């Protein structure tokens, strides 16, 4: 028997909330402040999502999580194009 749609939606929301709490808790301990410095929108959206969760506003928190994900992906794409450390040590070398 498949779970009903509201139960599945609730489980997904709880899973995403757990994921953001781990991400928010881990964000200060990342290698350094390079992610926050190079992609300020990402931690900003995470902080807003955490605030929404504290207020019990799960739908708003989920929107912020998606925005955080979009911001991080965008920064990583931009960084990869420029060959930076944040994007996995880049894809370009000094010769071109």
PDB file of N, CA and C in Angstrom:
ATOM      1  N   UNK A   1       0.839  -1.184   0.000  1.00  0.00           N
ATOM      2  CA  UNK A   1       0.000   0.000   0.000  1.00  0.00           C
ATOM      3  C   UNK A   1       0.881   1.243   0.000  1.00  0.00           C
ATOM      4  N   UNK A   2       0.615   2.159  -0.889  1.00  0.00           N
ATOM      5  CA  UNK A   2       1.384   3.385  -0.991  1.00  0.00           C
ATOM      6  C   UNK A   2       0.910   4.399   0.047  1.00  0.00           C
ATOM      7  N   UNK A   3       1.844   5.174   0.610  1.00  0.00           N
ATOM      8  CA  UNK A   3       1.430   6.190   1.569  1.00  0.00           C
ATOM      9  C   UNK A   3       0.602   7.263   0.879  1.00  0.00           C
ATOM     10  N   UNK A   4      -0.305   7.857   1.628  1.00  0.00           N
ATOM     11  CA  UNK A   4      -1.130   8.903   1.036  1.00  0.00           C
ATOM     12  C   UNK A   4      -0.272  10.119   0.733  1.00  0.00           C
ATOM     13  N   UNK A   5      -0.751  10.951  -0.156  1.00  0.00           N
ATOM     14  CA  UNK A   5       0.002  12.125  -0.586  1.00  0.00           C
ATOM     15  C   UNK A   5       0.346  13.047   0.585  1.00  0.00           C
ATOM     16  N   UNK A   6      -0.585  13.357   1.490  1.00  0.00           N
ATOM     17  CA  UNK A   6      -0.214  14.233   2.616  1.00  0.00           C
ATOM     18  C   UNK A   6       0.877  13.632   3.500  1.00  0.00           C
ATOM     19  N   UNK A   7       0.851  12.322   3.697  1.00  0.00           N
ATOM     20  CA  UNK A   7       1.871  11.677   4.530  1.00  0.00           C
ATOM     21  C   UNK A   7       3.225  11.747   3.832  1.00  0.00           C
ATOM     22  N   UNK A   8       3.266  11.474   2.542  1.00  0.00           N
ATOM     23  CA  UNK A   8       4.514  11.531   1.788  1.00  0.00           C
ATOM     24  C   UNK A   8       5.059  12.954   1.758  1.00  0.00           C
ATOM     25  N   UNK A   9       4.170  13.927   1.588  1.00  0.00           N
ATOM     26  CA  UNK A   9       4.593  15.329   1.567  1.00  0.00           C
ATOM     27  C   UNK A   9       5.157  15.727   2.928  1.00  0.00           C
ATOM     28  N   UNK A  10       4.505  15.289   3.977  1.00  0.00           N
ATOM     29  CA  UNK A  10       4.966  15.594   5.331  1.00  0.00           C
ATOM     30  C   UNK A  10       6.338  14.971   5.591  1.00  0.00           C
ATOM     31  N   UNK A  11       6.519  13.738   5.159  1.00  0.00           N
ATOM     32  CA  UNK A  11       7.801  13.059   5.346  1.00  0.00           C
ATOM     33  C   UNK A  11       8.903  13.767   4.563  1.00  0.00           C
ATOM     34  N   UNK A  12       8.597  14.211   3.356  1.00  0.00           N
ATOM     35  CA  UNK A  12       9.587  14.923   2.562  1.00  0.00           C
ATOM     36  C   UNK A  12       9.949  16.254   3.224  1.00  0.00           C
ATOM     37  N   UNK A  13       8.965  16.952   3.735  1.00  0.00           N
ATOM     38  CA  UNK A  13       9.216  18.224   4.415  1.00  0.00           C
ATOM     39  C   UNK A  13      10.103  18.014   5.634  1.00  0.00           C
ATOM     40  N   UNK A  14       9.802  16.987   6.418  1.00  0.00           N
ATOM     41  CA  UNK A  14      10.626  16.703   7.589  1.00  0.00           C
ATOM     42  C   UNK A  14      12.059  16.350   7.195  1.00  0.00           C
ATOM     43  N   UNK A  15      12.204  15.589   6.130  1.00  0.00           N
ATOM     44  CA  UNK A  15      13.540  15.239   5.653  1.00  0.00           C
ATOM     45  C   UNK A  15      14.323  16.461   5.211  1.00  0.00           C
ATOM     46  N   UNK A  16      13.666  17.367   4.498  1.00  0.00           N
ATOM     47  CA  UNK A  16      14.333  18.588   4.064  1.00  0.00           C
ATOM     48  C   UNK A  16      14.686  19.482   5.243  1.00  0.00           C
ATOM     49  N   UNK A  17      13.810  19.520   6.246  1.00  0.00           N
ATOM     50  CA  UNK A  17      14.114  20.314   7.435  1.00  0.00           C
ATOM     51  C   UNK A  17      15.325  19.748   8.164  1.00  0.00           C
ATOM     52  N   UNK A  18      15.413  18.441   8.230  1.00  0.00           N
ATOM     53  CA  UNK A  18      16.575  17.821   8.872  1.00  0.00           C
ATOM     54  C   UNK A  18      17.836  18.141   8.080  1.00  0.00           C
ATOM     55  N   UNK A  19      17.728  18.102   6.768  1.00  0.00           N
ATOM     56  CA  UNK A  19      18.878  18.406   5.918  1.00  0.00           C
ATOM     57  C   UNK A  19      19.348  19.837   6.115  1.00  0.00           C
ATOM     58  N   UNK A  20      18.426  20.779   6.161  1.00  0.00           N
ATOM     59  CA  UNK A  20      18.844  22.174   6.342  1.00  0.00           C
ATOM     60  C   UNK A  20      19.430  22.393   7.727  1.00  0.00           C
ATOM     61  N   UNK A  21      18.895  21.706   8.748  1.00  0.00           N
ATOM     62  CA  UNK A  21      19.486  21.907  10.075  1.00  0.00           C
ATOM     63  C   UNK A  21      20.917  21.420  10.121  1.00  0.00           C
ATOM     64  N   UNK A  22      21.197  20.327   9.428  1.00  0.00           N
ATOM     65  CA  UNK A  22      22.573  19.838   9.372  1.00  0.00           C
ATOM     66  C   UNK A  22      23.428  20.814   8.568  1.00  0.00           C
ATOM     67  N   UNK A  23      22.896  21.288   7.459  1.00  0.00           N
ATOM     68  CA  UNK A  23      23.643  22.236   6.631  1.00  0.00           C
ATOM     69  C   UNK A  23      23.932  23.538   7.341  1.00  0.00           C
ATOM     70  N   UNK A  24      22.941  24.051   8.055  1.00  0.00           N
ATOM     71  CA  UNK A  24      23.130  25.301   8.788  1.00  0.00           C
ATOM     72  C   UNK A  24      24.117  25.103   9.923  1.00  0.00           C
ATOM     73  N   UNK A  25      24.021  23.977  10.593  1.00  0.00           N
ATOM     74  CA  UNK A  25      24.946  23.709  11.694  1.00  0.00           C
ATOM     75  C   UNK A  25      26.370  23.519  11.176  1.00  0.00           C
ATOM     76  N   UNK A  26      26.510  22.932  10.005  1.00  0.00           N
ATOM     77  CA  UNK A  26      27.841  22.661   9.463  1.00  0.00           C
ATOM     78  C   UNK A  26      28.435  23.867   8.754  1.00  0.00           C
ATOM     79  N   UNK A  27      27.611  24.796   8.309  1.00  0.00           N
ATOM     80  CA  UNK A  27      28.130  25.886   7.489  1.00  0.00           C
ATOM     81  C   UNK A  27      29.246  26.691   8.138  1.00  0.00           C
ATOM     82  N   UNK A  28      29.225  26.984   9.444  1.00  0.00           N
ATOM     83  CA  UNK A  28      30.363  27.716   9.996  1.00  0.00           C
ATOM     84  C   UNK A  28      31.638  26.890  10.036  1.00  0.00           C
ATOM     85  N   UNK A  29      31.520  25.571   9.993  1.00  0.00           N
ATOM     86  CA  UNK A  29      32.702  24.729  10.107  1.00  0.00           C
ATOM     87  C   UNK A  29      33.240  24.278   8.757  1.00  0.00           C
ATOM     88  N   UNK A  30      32.748  24.814   7.675  1.00  0.00           N
ATOM     89  CA  UNK A  30      33.284  24.459   6.362  1.00  0.00           C
ATOM     90  C   UNK A  30      34.728  24.949   6.285  1.00  0.00           C
ATOM     91  N   UNK A  31      35.448  24.490   5.294  1.00  0.00           N
ATOM     92  CA  UNK A  31      36.889  24.733   5.190  1.00  0.00           C
ATOM     93  C   UNK A  31      37.289  26.129   5.650  1.00  0.00           C
ATOM     94  N   UNK A  32      36.613  27.121   5.232  1.00  0.00           N
ATOM     95  CA  UNK A  32      36.813  28.475   5.710  1.00  0.00           C
ATOM     96  C   UNK A  32      35.609  29.294   5.298  1.00  0.00           C
ATOM     97  N   UNK A  33      35.730  30.574   5.341  1.00  0.00           N
ATOM     98  CA  UNK A  33      34.594  31.422   4.995  1.00  0.00           C
ATOM     99  C   UNK A  33      34.472  31.615   3.488  1.00  0.00           C
ATOM    100  N   UNK A  34      35.188  30.830   2.700  1.00  0.00           N
ATOM    101  CA  UNK A  34      35.192  31.058   1.260  1.00  0.00           C
ATOM    102  C   UNK A  34      33.818  30.893   0.630  1.00  0.00           C
ATOM    103  N   UNK A  35      33.044  29.930   1.071  1.00  0.00           N
ATOM    104  CA  UNK A  35      31.706  29.758   0.492  1.00  0.00           C
ATOM    105  C   UNK A  35      30.844  30.958   0.838  1.00  0.00           C
ATOM    106  N   UNK A  36      30.867  31.370   2.089  1.00  0.00           N
ATOM    107  CA  UNK A  36      30.076  32.527   2.492  1.00  0.00           C
ATOM    108  C   UNK A  36      30.561  33.789   1.787  1.00  0.00           C
ATOM    109  N   UNK A  37      31.870  33.910   1.627  1.00  0.00           N
ATOM    110  CA  UNK A  37      32.416  35.100   0.977  1.00  0.00           C
ATOM    111  C   UNK A  37      32.153  35.098  -0.522  1.00  0.00           C
ATOM    112  N   UNK A  38      32.256  33.923  -1.128  1.00  0.00           N
ATOM    113  CA  UNK A  38      32.107  33.848  -2.578  1.00  0.00           C
ATOM    114  C   UNK A  38      30.663  33.658  -3.020  1.00  0.00           C
ATOM    115  N   UNK A  39      29.817  33.212  -2.114  1.00  0.00           N
ATOM    116  CA  UNK A  39      28.413  32.963  -2.448  1.00  0.00           C
ATOM    117  C   UNK A  39      27.538  33.388  -1.269  1.00  0.00           C
ATOM    118  N   UNK A  40      27.464  34.679  -1.004  1.00  0.00           N
ATOM    119  CA  UNK A  40      26.751  35.148   0.184  1.00  0.00           C
ATOM    120  C   UNK A  40      25.255  34.822   0.191  1.00  0.00           C
ATOM    121  N   UNK A  41      24.675  34.610  -0.962  1.00  0.00           N
ATOM    122  CA  UNK A  41      23.246  34.298  -1.006  1.00  0.00           C
ATOM    123  C   UNK A  41      22.948  32.936  -0.373  1.00  0.00           C
ATOM    124  N   UNK A  42      23.892  31.994  -0.511  1.00  0.00           N
ATOM    125  CA  UNK A  42      23.668  30.644   0.009  1.00  0.00           C
ATOM    126  C   UNK A  42      23.478  30.629   1.535  1.00  0.00           C
ATOM    127  N   UNK A  43      24.433  31.098   2.332  1.00  0.00           N
ATOM    128  CA  UNK A  43      24.212  31.077   3.785  1.00  0.00           C
ATOM    129  C   UNK A  43      23.084  32.006   4.209  1.00  0.00           C
ATOM    130  N   UNK A  44      22.859  33.054   3.436  1.00  0.00           N
ATOM    131  CA  UNK A  44      21.759  33.958   3.757  1.00  0.00           C
ATOM    132  C   UNK A  44      20.421  33.224   3.674  1.00  0.00           C
ATOM    133  N   UNK A  45      20.225  32.466   2.598  1.00  0.00           N
ATOM    134  CA  UNK A  45      18.981  31.692   2.452  1.00  0.00           C
ATOM    135  C   UNK A  45      18.880  30.620   3.534  1.00  0.00           C
ATOM    136  N   UNK A  46      20.004  30.018   3.903  1.00  0.00           N
ATOM    137  CA  UNK A  46      19.972  29.016   4.973  1.00  0.00           C
ATOM    138  C   UNK A  46      19.560  29.630   6.302  1.00  0.00           C
ATOM    139  N   UNK A  47      20.076  30.814   6.600  1.00  0.00           N
ATOM    140  CA  UNK A  47      19.693  31.489   7.857  1.00  0.00           C
ATOM    141  C   UNK A  47      18.207  31.818   7.874  1.00  0.00           C
ATOM    142  N   UNK A  48      17.696  32.305   6.736  1.00  0.00           N
ATOM    143  CA  UNK A  48      16.271  32.628   6.656  1.00  0.00           C
ATOM    144  C   UNK A  48      15.435  31.353   6.817  1.00  0.00           C
ATOM    145  N   UNK A  49      15.866  30.268   6.183  1.00  0.00           N
ATOM    146  CA  UNK A  49      15.144  28.996   6.302  1.00  0.00           C
ATOM    147  C   UNK A  49      15.116  28.544   7.755  1.00  0.00           C
ATOM    148  N   UNK A  50      16.238  28.664   8.446  1.00  0.00           N
ATOM    149  CA  UNK A  50      16.285  28.266   9.857  1.00  0.00           C
ATOM    150  C   UNK A  50      15.340  29.122  10.695  1.00  0.00           C
ATOM    151  N   UNK A  51      15.281  30.416  10.404  1.00  0.00           N
ATOM    152  CA  UNK A  51      14.367  31.305  11.127  1.00  0.00           C
ATOM    153  C   UNK A  51      12.913  30.901  10.883  1.00  0.00           C
ATOM    154  N   UNK A  52      12.591  30.584   9.628  1.00  0.00           N
ATOM    155  CA  UNK A  52      11.235  30.137   9.314  1.00  0.00           C
ATOM    156  C   UNK A  52      10.907  28.837  10.056  1.00  0.00           C
ATOM    157  N   UNK A  53      11.859  27.931  10.111  1.00  0.00           N
ATOM    158  CA  UNK A  53      11.620  26.676  10.829  1.00  0.00           C
ATOM    159  C   UNK A  53      11.374  26.939  12.306  1.00  0.00           C
ATOM    160  N   UNK A  54      12.116  27.852  12.878  1.00  0.00           N
ATOM    161  CA  UNK A  54      11.927  28.188  14.293  1.00  0.00           C
ATOM    162  C   UNK A  54      10.539  28.755  14.548  1.00  0.00           C
ATOM    163  N   UNK A  55       9.987  29.410  13.536  1.00  0.00           N
ATOM    164  CA  UNK A  55       8.637  29.969  13.643  1.00  0.00           C
ATOM    165  C   UNK A  55       7.561  28.964  13.239  1.00  0.00           C
ATOM    166  N   UNK A  56       7.966  27.783  12.809  1.00  0.00           N
ATOM    167  CA  UNK A  56       7.009  26.765  12.397  1.00  0.00           C
ATOM    168  C   UNK A  56       6.474  26.956  10.987  1.00  0.00           C
ATOM    169  N   UNK A  57       7.126  27.792  10.202  1.00  0.00           N
ATOM    170  CA  UNK A  57       6.675  28.071   8.834  1.00  0.00           C
ATOM    171  C   UNK A  57       7.427  27.156   7.858  1.00  0.00           C
ATOM    172  N   UNK A  58       6.972  25.908   7.787  1.00  0.00           N
ATOM    173  CA  UNK A  58       7.674  24.899   6.988  1.00  0.00           C
ATOM    174  C   UNK A  58       7.654  25.193   5.498  1.00  0.00           C
ATOM    175  N   UNK A  59       6.535  25.657   4.977  1.00  0.00           N
ATOM    176  CA  UNK A  59       6.443  25.924   3.538  1.00  0.00           C
ATOM    177  C   UNK A  59       7.413  27.039   3.138  1.00  0.00           C
ATOM    178  N   UNK A  60       7.477  28.085   3.950  1.00  0.00           N
ATOM    179  CA  UNK A  60       8.398  29.190   3.663  1.00  0.00           C
ATOM    180  C   UNK A  60       9.848  28.710   3.777  1.00  0.00           C
ATOM    181  N   UNK A  61      10.124  27.856   4.766  1.00  0.00           N
ATOM    182  CA  UNK A  61      11.476  27.318   4.929  1.00  0.00           C
ATOM    183  C   UNK A  61      11.862  26.482   3.711  1.00  0.00           C
ATOM    184  N   UNK A  62      10.931  25.707   3.198  1.00  0.00           N
ATOM    185  CA  UNK A  62      11.201  24.879   2.026  1.00  0.00           C
ATOM    186  C   UNK A  62      11.530  25.744   0.809  1.00  0.00           C
ATOM    187  N   UNK A  63      10.808  26.846   0.660  1.00  0.00           N
ATOM    188  CA  UNK A  63      11.094  27.774  -0.441  1.00  0.00           C
ATOM    189  C   UNK A  63      12.512  28.321  -0.297  1.00  0.00           C
ATOM    190  N   UNK A  64      12.886  28.707   0.918  1.00  0.00           N
ATOM    191  CA  UNK A  64      14.230  29.241   1.155  1.00  0.00           C
ATOM    192  C   UNK A  64      15.298  28.184   0.896  1.00  0.00           C
ATOM    193  N   UNK A  65      15.012  26.940   1.259  1.00  0.00           N
ATOM    194  CA  UNK A  65      15.970  25.867   0.986  1.00  0.00           C
ATOM    195  C   UNK A  65      16.196  25.698  -0.507  1.00  0.00           C
ATOM    196  N   UNK A  66      15.127  25.783  -1.249  1.00  0.00           N
ATOM    197  CA  UNK A  66      15.261  25.667  -2.705  1.00  0.00           C
ATOM    198  C   UNK A  66      16.054  26.846  -3.263  1.00  0.00           C
ATOM    199  N   UNK A  67      15.810  28.046  -2.713  1.00  0.00           N
ATOM    200  CA  UNK A  67      16.575  29.216  -3.145  1.00  0.00           C
ATOM    201  C   UNK A  67      18.052  29.071  -2.784  1.00  0.00           C
ATOM    202  N   UNK A  68      18.321  28.519  -1.608  1.00  0.00           N
ATOM    203  CA  UNK A  68      19.710  28.286  -1.193  1.00  0.00           C
ATOM    204  C   UNK A  68      20.379  27.303  -2.147  1.00  0.00           C
ATOM    205  N   UNK A  69      19.675  26.236  -2.486  1.00  0.00           N
ATOM    206  CA  UNK A  69      20.211  25.245  -3.414  1.00  0.00           C
ATOM    207  C   UNK A  69      20.501  25.884  -4.768  1.00  0.00           C
ATOM    208  N   UNK A  70      19.552  26.692  -5.269  1.00  0.00           N
ATOM    209  CA  UNK A  70      19.750  27.379  -6.547  1.00  0.00           C
ATOM    210  C   UNK A  70      20.948  28.323  -6.483  1.00  0.00           C
ATOM    211  N   UNK A  71      21.070  29.061  -5.372  1.00  0.00           N
ATOM    212  CA  UNK A  71      22.182  30.003  -5.225  1.00  0.00           C
ATOM    213  C   UNK A  71      23.519  29.272  -5.219  1.00  0.00           C
ATOM    214  N   UNK A  72      23.597  28.182  -4.471  1.00  0.00           N
ATOM    215  CA  UNK A  72      24.846  27.429  -4.408  1.00  0.00           C
ATOM    216  C   UNK A  72      25.202  26.835  -5.757  1.00  0.00           C
ATOM    217  N   UNK A  73      24.225  26.259  -6.428  1.00  0.00           N
ATOM    218  CA  UNK A  73      24.490  25.689  -7.757  1.00  0.00           C
ATOM    219  C   UNK A  73      24.976  26.767  -8.724  1.00  0.00           C
ATOM    220  N   UNK A  74      24.362  27.928  -8.658  1.00  0.00           N
ATOM    221  CA  UNK A  74      24.762  29.028  -9.526  1.00  0.00           C
ATOM    222  C   UNK A  74      26.194  29.466  -9.230  1.00  0.00           C
ATOM    223  N   UNK A  75      26.521  29.596  -7.959  1.00  0.00           N
ATOM    224  CA  UNK A  75      27.882  29.977  -7.576  1.00  0.00           C
ATOM    225  C   UNK A  75      28.888  28.929  -8.027  1.00  0.00           C
ATOM    226  N   UNK A  76      28.551  27.669  -7.842  1.00  0.00           N
ATOM    227  CA  UNK A  76      29.466  26.605  -8.249  1.00  0.00           C
ATOM    228  C   UNK A  76      29.675  26.595  -9.758  1.00  0.00           C
ATOM    229  N   UNK A  77      28.597  26.844 -10.512  1.00  0.00           N
ATOM    230  CA  UNK A  77      28.738  26.926 -11.971  1.00  0.00           C
ATOM    231  C   UNK A  77      29.650  28.089 -12.350  1.00  0.00           C
ATOM    232  N   UNK A  78      29.418  29.243 -11.718  1.00  0.00           N
ATOM    233  CA  UNK A  78      30.244  30.418 -12.006  1.00  0.00           C
ATOM    234  C   UNK A  78      31.697  30.166 -11.629  1.00  0.00           C
ATOM    235  N   UNK A  79      31.895  29.554 -10.476  1.00  0.00           N
ATOM    236  CA  UNK A  79      33.254  29.274 -10.013  1.00  0.00           C
ATOM    237  C   UNK A  79      33.935  28.242 -10.918  1.00  0.00           C
ATOM    238  N   UNK A  80      33.187  27.255 -11.378  1.00  0.00           N
ATOM    239  CA  UNK A  80      33.764  26.245 -12.260  1.00  0.00           C
ATOM    240  C   UNK A  80      34.212  26.877 -13.574  1.00  0.00           C
ATOM    241  N   UNK A  81      33.438  27.812 -14.048  1.00  0.00           N
ATOM    242  CA  UNK A  81      33.805  28.497 -15.283  1.00  0.00           C
ATOM    243  C   UNK A  81      35.088  29.307 -15.100  1.00  0.00           C
ATOM    244  N   UNK A  82      35.308  29.776 -13.860  1.00  0.00           N
ATOM    245  CA  UNK A  82      36.503  30.563 -13.582  1.00  0.00           C
ATOM    246  C   UNK A  82      37.648  29.745 -13.035  1.00  0.00           C
ATOM    247  N   UNK A  83      37.420  28.457 -12.783  1.00  0.00           N
ATOM    248  CA  UNK A  83      38.475  27.579 -12.313  1.00  0.00           C
ATOM    249  C   UNK A  83      38.905  27.832 -10.884  1.00  0.00           C
ATOM    250  N   UNK A  84      37.958  28.036  -9.970  1.00  0.00           N
ATOM    251  CA  UNK A  84      38.339  28.348  -8.589  1.00  0.00           C
ATOM    252  C   UNK A  84      38.361  27.127  -7.696  1.00  0.00           C
ATOM    253  N   UNK A  85      38.843  27.315  -6.498  1.00  0.00           N
ATOM    254  CA  UNK A  85      38.945  26.250  -5.501  1.00  0.00           C
ATOM    255  C   UNK A  85      37.574  25.771  -5.056  1.00  0.00           C
ATOM    256  N   UNK A  86      36.609  26.655  -4.929  1.00  0.00           N
ATOM    257  CA  UNK A  86      35.289  26.288  -4.421  1.00  0.00           C
ATOM    258  C   UNK A  86      34.593  25.280  -5.330  1.00  0.00           C
ATOM    259  N   UNK A  87      34.922  25.276  -6.593  1.00  0.00           N
ATOM    260  CA  UNK A  87      34.266  24.382  -7.544  1.00  0.00           C
ATOM    261  C   UNK A  87      35.036  23.088  -7.741  1.00  0.00           C
ATOM    262  N   UNK A  88      35.724  22.641  -6.749  1.00  0.00           N
ATOM    263  CA  UNK A  88      36.421  21.362  -6.859  1.00  0.00           C
ATOM    264  C   UNK A  88      37.782  21.513  -7.498  1.00  0.00           C
ATOM    265  N   UNK A  89      38.460  22.566  -7.169  1.00  0.00           N
ATOM    266  CA  UNK A  89      39.830  22.824  -7.608  1.00  0.00           C
ATOM    267  C   UNK A  89      39.911  23.197  -9.073  1.00  0.00           C
ATOM    268  N   UNK A  90      38.804  23.582  -9.655  1.00  0.00           N
ATOM    269  CA  UNK A  90      38.814  24.156 -10.983  1.00  0.00           C
ATOM    270  C   UNK A  90      39.137  23.204 -12.103  1.00  0.00           C
ATOM    271  N   UNK A  91      38.946  23.690 -13.312  1.00  0.00           N
ATOM    272  CA  UNK A  91      39.198  22.854 -14.467  1.00  0.00           C
ATOM    273  C   UNK A  91      40.228  23.457 -15.396  1.00  0.00           C
ATOM    274  N   UNK A  92      40.721  24.639 -15.077  1.00  0.00           N
ATOM    275  CA  UNK A  92      41.697  25.298 -15.944  1.00  0.00           C
ATOM    276  C   UNK A  92      43.054  25.311 -15.275  1.00  0.00           C
ATOM    277  N   UNK A  93      44.058  25.379 -16.065  1.00  0.00           N
ATOM    278  CA  UNK A  93      45.396  25.525 -15.514  1.00  0.00           C
ATOM    279  C   UNK A  93      45.983  26.858 -15.949  1.00  0.00           C
ATOM    280  N   UNK A  94      47.158  27.173 -15.490  1.00  0.00           N
ATOM    281  CA  UNK A  94      47.754  28.476 -15.766  1.00  0.00           C
ATOM    282  C   UNK A  94      48.041  28.703 -17.246  1.00  0.00           C
ATOM    283  N   UNK A  95      48.193  27.643 -18.019  1.00  0.00           N
ATOM    284  CA  UNK A  95      48.538  27.817 -19.425  1.00  0.00           C
ATOM    285  C   UNK A  95      47.318  28.002 -20.323  1.00  0.00           C
ATOM    286  N   UNK A  96      46.111  27.922 -19.736  1.00  0.00           N
ATOM    287  CA  UNK A  96      44.964  28.229 -20.579  1.00  0.00           C
ATOM    288  C   UNK A  96      43.915  27.261 -20.452  1.00  0.00           C
TER     289      UNK A  96
END
